[in-house]
C-alpha atoms as a PDB file:
ATOM      1  CA  MET A   1     -19.586  -5.604  48.913  1.00  0.00           C
ATOM      2  CA  THR A   2     -21.734  -5.372  45.875  1.00  0.00           C
ATOM      3  CA  GLY A   3     -23.985  -2.845  44.220  1.00  0.00           C
ATOM      4  CA  GLN A   4     -23.826   1.048  45.205  1.00  0.00           C
ATOM      5  CA  VAL A   5     -23.199   1.804  49.052  1.00  0.00           C
ATOM      6  CA  ARG A   6     -25.429   4.751  49.648  1.00  0.00           C
ATOM      7  CA  THR A   7     -25.353   7.329  52.869  1.00  0.00           C
ATOM      8  CA  VAL A   8     -27.881   7.821  55.362  1.00  0.00           C
ATOM      9  CA  ASP A   9     -28.985  10.976  53.179  1.00  0.00           C
ATOM     10  CA  GLY A  10     -29.317   8.751  50.020  1.00  0.00           C
ATOM     11  CA  ARG A  11     -25.547   9.718  48.563  1.00  0.00           C
ATOM     12  CA  VAL A  12     -23.284   7.222  47.031  1.00  0.00           C
ATOM     13  CA  ALA A  13     -20.747   6.637  48.817  1.00  0.00           C
ATOM     14  CA  GLY A  14     -17.229   6.459  46.954  1.00  0.00           C
ATOM     15  CA  ARG A  15     -14.377   4.289  47.485  1.00  0.00           C
ATOM     16  CA  ARG A  16     -12.851   5.828  50.499  1.00  0.00           C
ATOM     17  CA  GLY A  17     -16.805   6.281  51.856  1.00  0.00           C
ATOM     18  CA  GLN A  18     -17.108   2.734  51.555  1.00  0.00           C
ATOM     19  CA  ALA A  19     -13.677   1.489  53.539  1.00  0.00           C
ATOM     20  CA  THR A  20     -14.894   3.705  56.085  1.00  0.00           C
ATOM     21  CA  ARG A  21     -18.385   2.444  56.903  1.00  0.00           C
ATOM     22  CA  GLN A  22     -16.935  -1.495  56.388  1.00  0.00           C
ATOM     23  CA  LYS A  23     -14.399  -0.511  59.093  1.00  0.00           C
ATOM     24  CA  LEU A  24     -17.219   0.870  61.338  1.00  0.00           C
ATOM     25  CA  LEU A  25     -19.000  -2.281  60.951  1.00  0.00           C
ATOM     26  CA  ASP A  26     -15.826  -4.236  61.550  1.00  0.00           C
ATOM     27  CA  CYS A  27     -15.154  -2.448  64.773  1.00  0.00           C
ATOM     28  CA  LEU A  28     -19.124  -2.471  65.890  1.00  0.00           C
ATOM     29  CA  SER A  29     -18.218  -6.404  65.536  1.00  0.00           C
ATOM     30  CA  GLU A  30     -15.663  -6.732  67.180  1.00  0.00           C
ATOM     31  CA  MET A  31     -17.146  -4.734  70.074  1.00  0.00           C
ATOM     32  CA  LEU A  32     -20.272  -6.826  70.511  1.00  0.00           C
ATOM     33  CA  SER A  33     -17.712  -9.675  71.245  1.00  0.00           C
ATOM     34  CA  SER A  34     -16.727  -8.101  74.432  1.00  0.00           C
ATOM     35  CA  SER A  35     -19.765  -5.447  75.669  1.00  0.00           C
ATOM     36  CA  PRO A  36     -22.940  -6.544  76.326  1.00  0.00           C
ATOM     37  CA  TYR A  37     -25.104  -4.855  73.145  1.00  0.00           C
ATOM     38  CA  ARG A  38     -27.141  -1.989  74.906  1.00  0.00           C
ATOM     39  CA  ASP A  39     -24.066  -0.864  76.382  1.00  0.00           C
ATOM     40  CA  VAL A  40     -22.203  -0.347  72.823  1.00  0.00           C
ATOM     41  CA  LYS A  41     -22.429   3.293  71.722  1.00  0.00           C
ATOM     42  CA  VAL A  42     -21.866   5.308  68.693  1.00  0.00           C
ATOM     43  CA  ILE A  43     -19.134   7.578  70.207  1.00  0.00           C
ATOM     44  CA  ASP A  44     -17.374   4.393  71.246  1.00  0.00           C
ATOM     45  CA  VAL A  45     -17.787   2.778  67.931  1.00  0.00           C
ATOM     46  CA  ALA A  46     -16.704   6.130  66.186  1.00  0.00           C
ATOM     47  CA  ARG A  47     -13.539   6.217  68.742  1.00  0.00           C
ATOM     48  CA  LYS A  48     -12.402   2.662  67.731  1.00  0.00           C
ATOM     49  CA  ALA A  49     -12.873   3.098  63.986  1.00  0.00           C
ATOM     50  CA  GLY A  50     -10.620   6.469  64.216  1.00  0.00           C
ATOM     51  CA  THR A  51     -13.341   8.997  63.182  1.00  0.00           C
ATOM     52  CA  SER A  52     -16.400  10.690  64.349  1.00  0.00           C
ATOM     53  CA  PRO A  53     -19.686  10.283  65.447  1.00  0.00           C
ATOM     54  CA  ALA A  54     -20.649  12.760  62.617  1.00  0.00           C
ATOM     55  CA  THR A  55     -19.183  10.307  60.403  1.00  0.00           C
ATOM     56  CA  PHE A  56     -20.691   7.445  61.782  1.00  0.00           C
ATOM     57  CA  TYR A  57     -24.056   9.255  60.886  1.00  0.00           C
ATOM     58  CA  GLN A  58     -23.536   9.111  57.543  1.00  0.00           C
ATOM     59  CA  TYR A  59     -23.448   5.750  57.211  1.00  0.00           C
ATOM     60  CA  PHE A  60     -25.920   4.471  59.848  1.00  0.00           C
ATOM     61  CA  PRO A  61     -29.164   6.351  61.882  1.00  0.00           C
ATOM     62  CA  ASP A  62     -27.853   4.152  65.207  1.00  0.00           C
ATOM     63  CA  VAL A  63     -26.231   1.571  66.452  1.00  0.00           C
ATOM     64  CA  GLU A  64     -29.076  -0.277  65.593  1.00  0.00           C
ATOM     65  CA  GLY A  65     -28.869  -0.282  62.043  1.00  0.00           C
ATOM     66  CA  ALA A  66     -25.396  -0.846  61.987  1.00  0.00           C
ATOM     67  CA  VAL A  67     -26.055  -3.790  63.842  1.00  0.00           C
ATOM     68  CA  LEU A  68     -28.958  -4.746  61.212  1.00  0.00           C
ATOM     69  CA  GLU A  69     -26.680  -3.942  58.327  1.00  0.00           C
ATOM     70  CA  LEU A  70     -24.202  -6.439  59.916  1.00  0.00           C
ATOM     71  CA  ALA A  71     -26.813  -9.089  60.483  1.00  0.00           C
ATOM     72  CA  GLU A  72     -27.894  -8.928  56.829  1.00  0.00           C
ATOM     73  CA  GLN A  73     -24.431  -9.961  55.363  1.00  0.00           C
ATOM     74  CA  MET A  74     -24.265 -12.584  58.183  1.00  0.00           C
ATOM     75  CA  ALA A  75     -27.153 -14.280  56.866  1.00  0.00           C
ATOM     76  CA  ALA A  76     -25.903 -13.803  53.154  1.00  0.00           C
ATOM     77  CA  GLU A  77     -23.095 -16.160  54.407  1.00  0.00           C
ATOM     78  CA  GLY A  78     -25.174 -18.488  56.146  1.00  0.00           C
ATOM     79  CA  ALA A  79     -27.289 -19.095  53.311  1.00  0.00           C
ATOM     80  CA  GLY A  80     -23.952 -20.970  51.751  1.00  0.00           C
ATOM     81  CA  LEU A  81     -24.634 -23.616  54.340  1.00  0.00           C
ATOM     82  CA  SER A  82     -27.272 -25.103  51.981  1.00  0.00           C
ATOM     83  CA  GLU A  83     -24.326 -25.964  49.445  1.00  0.00           C
ATOM     84  CA  VAL A  84     -23.282 -28.657  51.487  1.00  0.00           C
ATOM     85  CA  LEU A  85     -26.548 -30.477  50.891  1.00  0.00           C
ATOM     86  CA  GLU A  86     -26.696 -29.377  47.286  1.00  0.00           C
ATOM     87  CA  GLU A  87     -23.282 -30.667  46.434  1.00  0.00           C
ATOM     88  CA  GLY A  88     -23.672 -33.341  49.148  1.00  0.00           C
ATOM     89  CA  SER A  89     -25.146 -37.186  48.901  1.00  0.00           C
ATOM     90  CA  TRP A  90     -27.217 -39.375  51.088  1.00  0.00           C
ATOM     91  CA  VAL A  91     -26.086 -42.466  49.726  1.00  0.00           C
ATOM     92  CA  GLY A  92     -23.878 -45.141  51.343  1.00  0.00           C
ATOM     93  CA  ARG A  93     -20.823 -43.527  53.487  1.00  0.00           C
ATOM     94  CA  ALA A  94     -21.191 -40.466  51.071  1.00  0.00           C
ATOM     95  CA  GLY A  95     -24.013 -39.669  53.760  1.00  0.00           C
ATOM     96  CA  TRP A  96     -21.733 -39.959  56.385  1.00  0.00           C
ATOM     97  CA  ARG A  97     -20.040 -37.376  55.221  1.00  0.00           C
ATOM     98  CA  THR A  98     -22.264 -35.264  54.074  1.00  0.00           C
ATOM     99  CA  ALA A  99     -23.836 -35.310  57.759  1.00  0.00           C
ATOM    100  CA  GLN A 100     -20.902 -34.554  59.423  1.00  0.00           C
ATOM    101  CA  ASP A 101     -20.572 -31.482  56.870  1.00  0.00           C
ATOM    102  CA  LEU A 102     -23.653 -29.753  57.730  1.00  0.00           C
ATOM    103  CA  VAL A 103     -22.911 -30.774  61.361  1.00  0.00           C
ATOM    104  CA  GLU A 104     -19.005 -29.101  61.281  1.00  0.00           C
ATOM    105  CA  GLY A 105     -20.436 -26.324  58.708  1.00  0.00           C
ATOM    106  CA  PHE A 106     -23.322 -24.836  61.594  1.00  0.00           C
ATOM    107  CA  LEU A 107     -21.069 -25.346  64.638  1.00  0.00           C
ATOM    108  CA  ASP A 108     -18.133 -23.300  62.571  1.00  0.00           C
ATOM    109  CA  PHE A 109     -20.960 -20.504  61.622  1.00  0.00           C
ATOM    110  CA  TRP A 110     -22.223 -20.371  64.899  1.00  0.00           C
ATOM    111  CA  ARG A 111     -18.470 -20.170  66.600  1.00  0.00           C
ATOM    112  CA  ARG A 112     -17.499 -17.170  63.867  1.00  0.00           C
ATOM    113  CA  ASN A 113     -20.794 -15.238  64.385  1.00  0.00           C
ATOM    114  CA  ASP A 114     -21.487 -16.131  68.077  1.00  0.00           C
ATOM    115  CA  ALA A 115     -22.020 -12.236  69.507  1.00  0.00           C
ATOM    116  CA  LEU A 116     -24.174 -11.146  66.371  1.00  0.00           C
ATOM    117  CA  LEU A 117     -25.652 -14.138  66.734  1.00  0.00           C
ATOM    118  CA  ARG A 118     -26.905 -13.460  70.216  1.00  0.00           C
ATOM    119  CA  VAL A 119     -28.165  -9.898  69.208  1.00  0.00           C
ATOM    120  CA  VAL A 120     -30.512 -11.345  66.827  1.00  0.00           C
ATOM    121  CA  ASP A 121     -31.580 -13.647  68.745  1.00  0.00           C
ATOM    122  CA  LEU A 122     -32.212 -11.043  71.563  1.00  0.00           C
ATOM    123  CA  GLY A 123     -33.857  -8.656  69.015  1.00  0.00           C
ATOM    124  CA  ALA A 124     -36.145 -11.743  67.478  1.00  0.00           C
ATOM    125  CA  ALA A 125     -37.332 -12.638  71.468  1.00  0.00           C
ATOM    126  CA  GLU A 126     -38.528  -9.304  71.834  1.00  0.00           C
ATOM    127  CA  GLY A 127     -40.449  -9.134  68.884  1.00  0.00           C
ATOM    128  CA  ASP A 128     -38.540  -7.061  66.663  1.00  0.00           C
ATOM    129  CA  LYS A 129     -39.792  -8.332  63.222  1.00  0.00           C
ATOM    130  CA  ARG A 130     -36.408  -7.363  61.302  1.00  0.00           C
ATOM    131  CA  PHE A 131     -34.272  -9.376  63.326  1.00  0.00           C
ATOM    132  CA  ALA A 132     -36.800 -12.314  63.134  1.00  0.00           C
ATOM    133  CA  LYS A 133     -36.613 -12.008  59.778  1.00  0.00           C
ATOM    134  CA  ILE A 134     -32.735 -12.481  59.564  1.00  0.00           C
ATOM    135  CA  ARG A 135     -32.764 -15.318  61.715  1.00  0.00           C
ATOM    136  CA  ALA A 136     -35.585 -16.983  59.306  1.00  0.00           C
ATOM    137  CA  LYS A 137     -33.701 -16.109  56.270  1.00  0.00           C
ATOM    138  CA  ILE A 138     -30.302 -17.877  57.985  1.00  0.00           C
ATOM    139  CA  LEU A 139     -32.516 -20.912  58.574  1.00  0.00           C
ATOM    140  CA  SER A 140     -34.658 -21.228  55.927  1.00  0.00           C
ATOM    141  CA  SER A 141     -32.253 -21.558  53.254  1.00  0.00           C
ATOM    142  CA  VAL A 142     -30.917 -24.842  54.921  1.00  0.00           C
ATOM    143  CA  THR A 143     -34.387 -25.902  55.810  1.00  0.00           C
ATOM    144  CA  GLY A 144     -35.794 -25.878  52.120  1.00  0.00           C
ATOM    145  CA  SER A 145     -32.510 -27.419  51.021  1.00  0.00           C
ATOM    146  CA  LEU A 146     -32.868 -30.280  53.584  1.00  0.00           C
ATOM    147  CA  ALA A 147     -36.549 -31.002  53.131  1.00  0.00           C
ATOM    148  CA  ALA A 148     -36.056 -31.468  49.192  1.00  0.00           C
ATOM    149  CA  THR A 149     -33.684 -33.971  49.828  1.00  0.00           C
ATOM    150  CA  ILE A 150     -36.279 -36.080  52.299  1.00  0.00           C
ATOM    151  CA  THR A 151     -38.494 -35.235  49.583  1.00  0.00           C
ATOM    152  CA  GLU A 152     -36.374 -37.058  46.895  1.00  0.00           C
ATOM    153  CA  LEU A 153     -35.639 -39.510  48.625  1.00  0.00           C
ATOM    154  CA  GLN A 154     -38.818 -40.405  49.741  1.00  0.00           C
ATOM    155  CA  SER A 155     -39.672 -40.256  46.148  1.00  0.00           C
ATOM    156  CA  LYS A 156     -37.053 -42.995  45.744  1.00  0.00           C
ATOM    157  CA  GLY A 157     -38.910 -45.113  48.286  1.00  0.00           C
ATOM    158  CA  ARG A 158     -36.019 -45.042  50.736  1.00  0.00           C
ATOM    159  CA  ILE A 159     -37.898 -43.295  53.239  1.00  0.00           C
ATOM    160  CA  ASP A 160     -41.490 -44.079  54.651  1.00  0.00           C
ATOM    161  CA  LYS A 161     -44.066 -41.921  53.144  1.00  0.00           C
ATOM    162  CA  ASP A 162     -45.976 -41.444  56.224  1.00  0.00           C
ATOM    163  CA  VAL A 163     -42.875 -38.898  56.595  1.00  0.00           C
ATOM    164  CA  LYS A 164     -43.235 -35.091  56.181  1.00  0.00           C
ATOM    165  CA  PRO A 165     -40.065 -33.148  54.834  1.00  0.00           C
ATOM    166  CA  ALA A 166     -40.831 -30.071  55.970  1.00  0.00           C
ATOM    167  CA  ALA A 167     -41.420 -31.235  59.328  1.00  0.00           C
ATOM    168  CA  VAL A 168     -38.432 -33.438  59.760  1.00  0.00           C
ATOM    169  CA  ALA A 169     -36.118 -30.377  58.300  1.00  0.00           C
ATOM    170  CA  GLY A 170     -37.595 -27.943  60.505  1.00  0.00           C
ATOM    171  CA  ALA A 171     -36.924 -29.887  63.732  1.00  0.00           C
ATOM    172  CA  LEU A 172     -33.349 -31.166  62.182  1.00  0.00           C
ATOM    173  CA  VAL A 173     -32.291 -27.375  61.630  1.00  0.00           C
ATOM    174  CA  ALA A 174     -33.822 -26.521  65.037  1.00  0.00           C
ATOM    175  CA  MET A 175     -31.757 -28.968  66.622  1.00  0.00           C
ATOM    176  CA  LEU A 176     -28.568 -27.748  65.041  1.00  0.00           C
ATOM    177  CA  ALA A 177     -28.772 -24.284  65.286  1.00  0.00           C
ATOM    178  CA  SER A 178     -30.113 -24.721  69.481  1.00  0.00           C
ATOM    179  CA  VAL A 179     -26.802 -26.989  69.917  1.00  0.00           C
ATOM    180  CA  ALA A 180     -24.700 -24.641  68.092  1.00  0.00           C
ATOM    181  CA  SER A 181     -25.629 -21.643  70.046  1.00  0.00           C
ATOM    182  CA  HIS A 182     -25.153 -23.722  73.160  1.00  0.00           C
ATOM    183  CA  GLN A 183     -21.964 -25.592  72.251  1.00  0.00           C
ATOM    184  CA  LYS A 184     -19.711 -24.315  74.739  1.00  0.00           C
ATOM    185  CA  SER A 185     -22.294 -24.471  77.696  1.00  0.00           C
ATOM    186  CA  PHE A 186     -22.727 -28.440  77.408  1.00  0.00           C
ATOM    187  CA  GLN A 187     -21.292 -30.019  80.611  1.00  0.00           C
ATOM    188  CA  GLY A 188     -19.872 -32.941  80.613  1.00  0.00           C
ATOM    189  CA  VAL A 189     -19.494 -33.206  76.642  1.00  0.00           C
ATOM    190  CA  LYS A 190     -16.110 -32.999  74.491  1.00  0.00           C
ATOM    191  CA  PRO A 191     -16.194 -31.283  71.448  1.00  0.00           C
ATOM    192  CA  ALA A 192     -14.663 -34.400  69.619  1.00  0.00           C
ATOM    193  CA  GLU A 193     -17.539 -36.302  70.915  1.00  0.00           C
ATOM    194  CA  LEU A 194     -20.441 -33.763  70.429  1.00  0.00           C
ATOM    195  CA  LYS A 195     -19.773 -33.425  66.668  1.00  0.00           C
ATOM    196  CA  PRO A 196     -20.362 -37.428  65.443  1.00  0.00           C
ATOM    197  CA  ASN A 197     -23.208 -37.833  67.529  1.00  0.00           C
ATOM    198  CA  LEU A 198     -24.911 -35.182  66.225  1.00  0.00           C
ATOM    199  CA  ALA A 199     -24.016 -36.044  62.870  1.00  0.00           C
ATOM    200  CA  LEU A 200     -25.646 -39.311  63.452  1.00  0.00           C
ATOM    201  CA  LEU A 201     -28.999 -37.671  64.469  1.00  0.00           C
ATOM    202  CA  VAL A 202     -28.698 -35.706  61.223  1.00  0.00           C
ATOM    203  CA  HIS A 203     -28.637 -39.050  59.207  1.00  0.00           C
ATOM    204  CA  LEU A 204     -30.742 -40.728  60.859  1.00  0.00           C
ATOM    205  CA  GLY A 205     -33.196 -38.139  60.513  1.00  0.00           C
ATOM    206  CA  VAL A 206     -33.181 -37.544  57.113  1.00  0.00           C
ATOM    207  CA  THR A 207     -32.205 -41.053  56.127  1.00  0.00           C
ATOM    208  CA  GLY A 208     -34.229 -43.176  58.718  1.00  0.00           C
ATOM    209  CA  ARG A 209     -31.052 -45.580  58.711  1.00  0.00           C
ATOM    210  CA  LYS A 210     -27.672 -45.953  60.513  1.00  0.00           C
ATOM    211  CA  PRO A 211     -24.796 -44.203  58.656  1.00  0.00           C
ATOM    212  CA  THR A 212     -22.611 -46.242  56.811  1.00  0.00           C
ATOM    213  CA  ARG A 213     -18.787 -45.762  58.188  1.00  0.00           C
END
């Protein structure tokens, strides 16, 4: 946690207050994994954290406010997915490794944040711009990095000039996000089969070529 942490009324929280606030967030995150979002109540989060509803309200206006804080933390973590593209290469066998690393990063991120991502998706689908903004934040950094990669390859003549980098990048990231969010529900598809085939699609989409393995 960086920067000053403030209470709802604007006071700067001390070290103990920050620890209490984070514990409330951790307990809320755990509860979201086992209970529907709409069923989670302030009193239940406070009880699980070993504190009172009054303490909860010192740091968050309501459960939704705390969920948004969790989602912001998650979005900051999700932005790190673009590092795979910034550090990787799409030339030769390195390109296959980069595609695999990107797929693994997406699937792992969604597995670890599955419950919270479902809440974000629900809020965005209901038209809540705050949740929609967070979802866009998670995906935009990867989309931007991928588009830049495709543009670079295009400038070197490795990709057809008619390809639209932003469109391809957006489609690939949307595919990754969709598959990642439904990876538990694919019938007849083993995880060991899903990853390499998804990586193949990513490599084809970025380079227009089959990977060198």
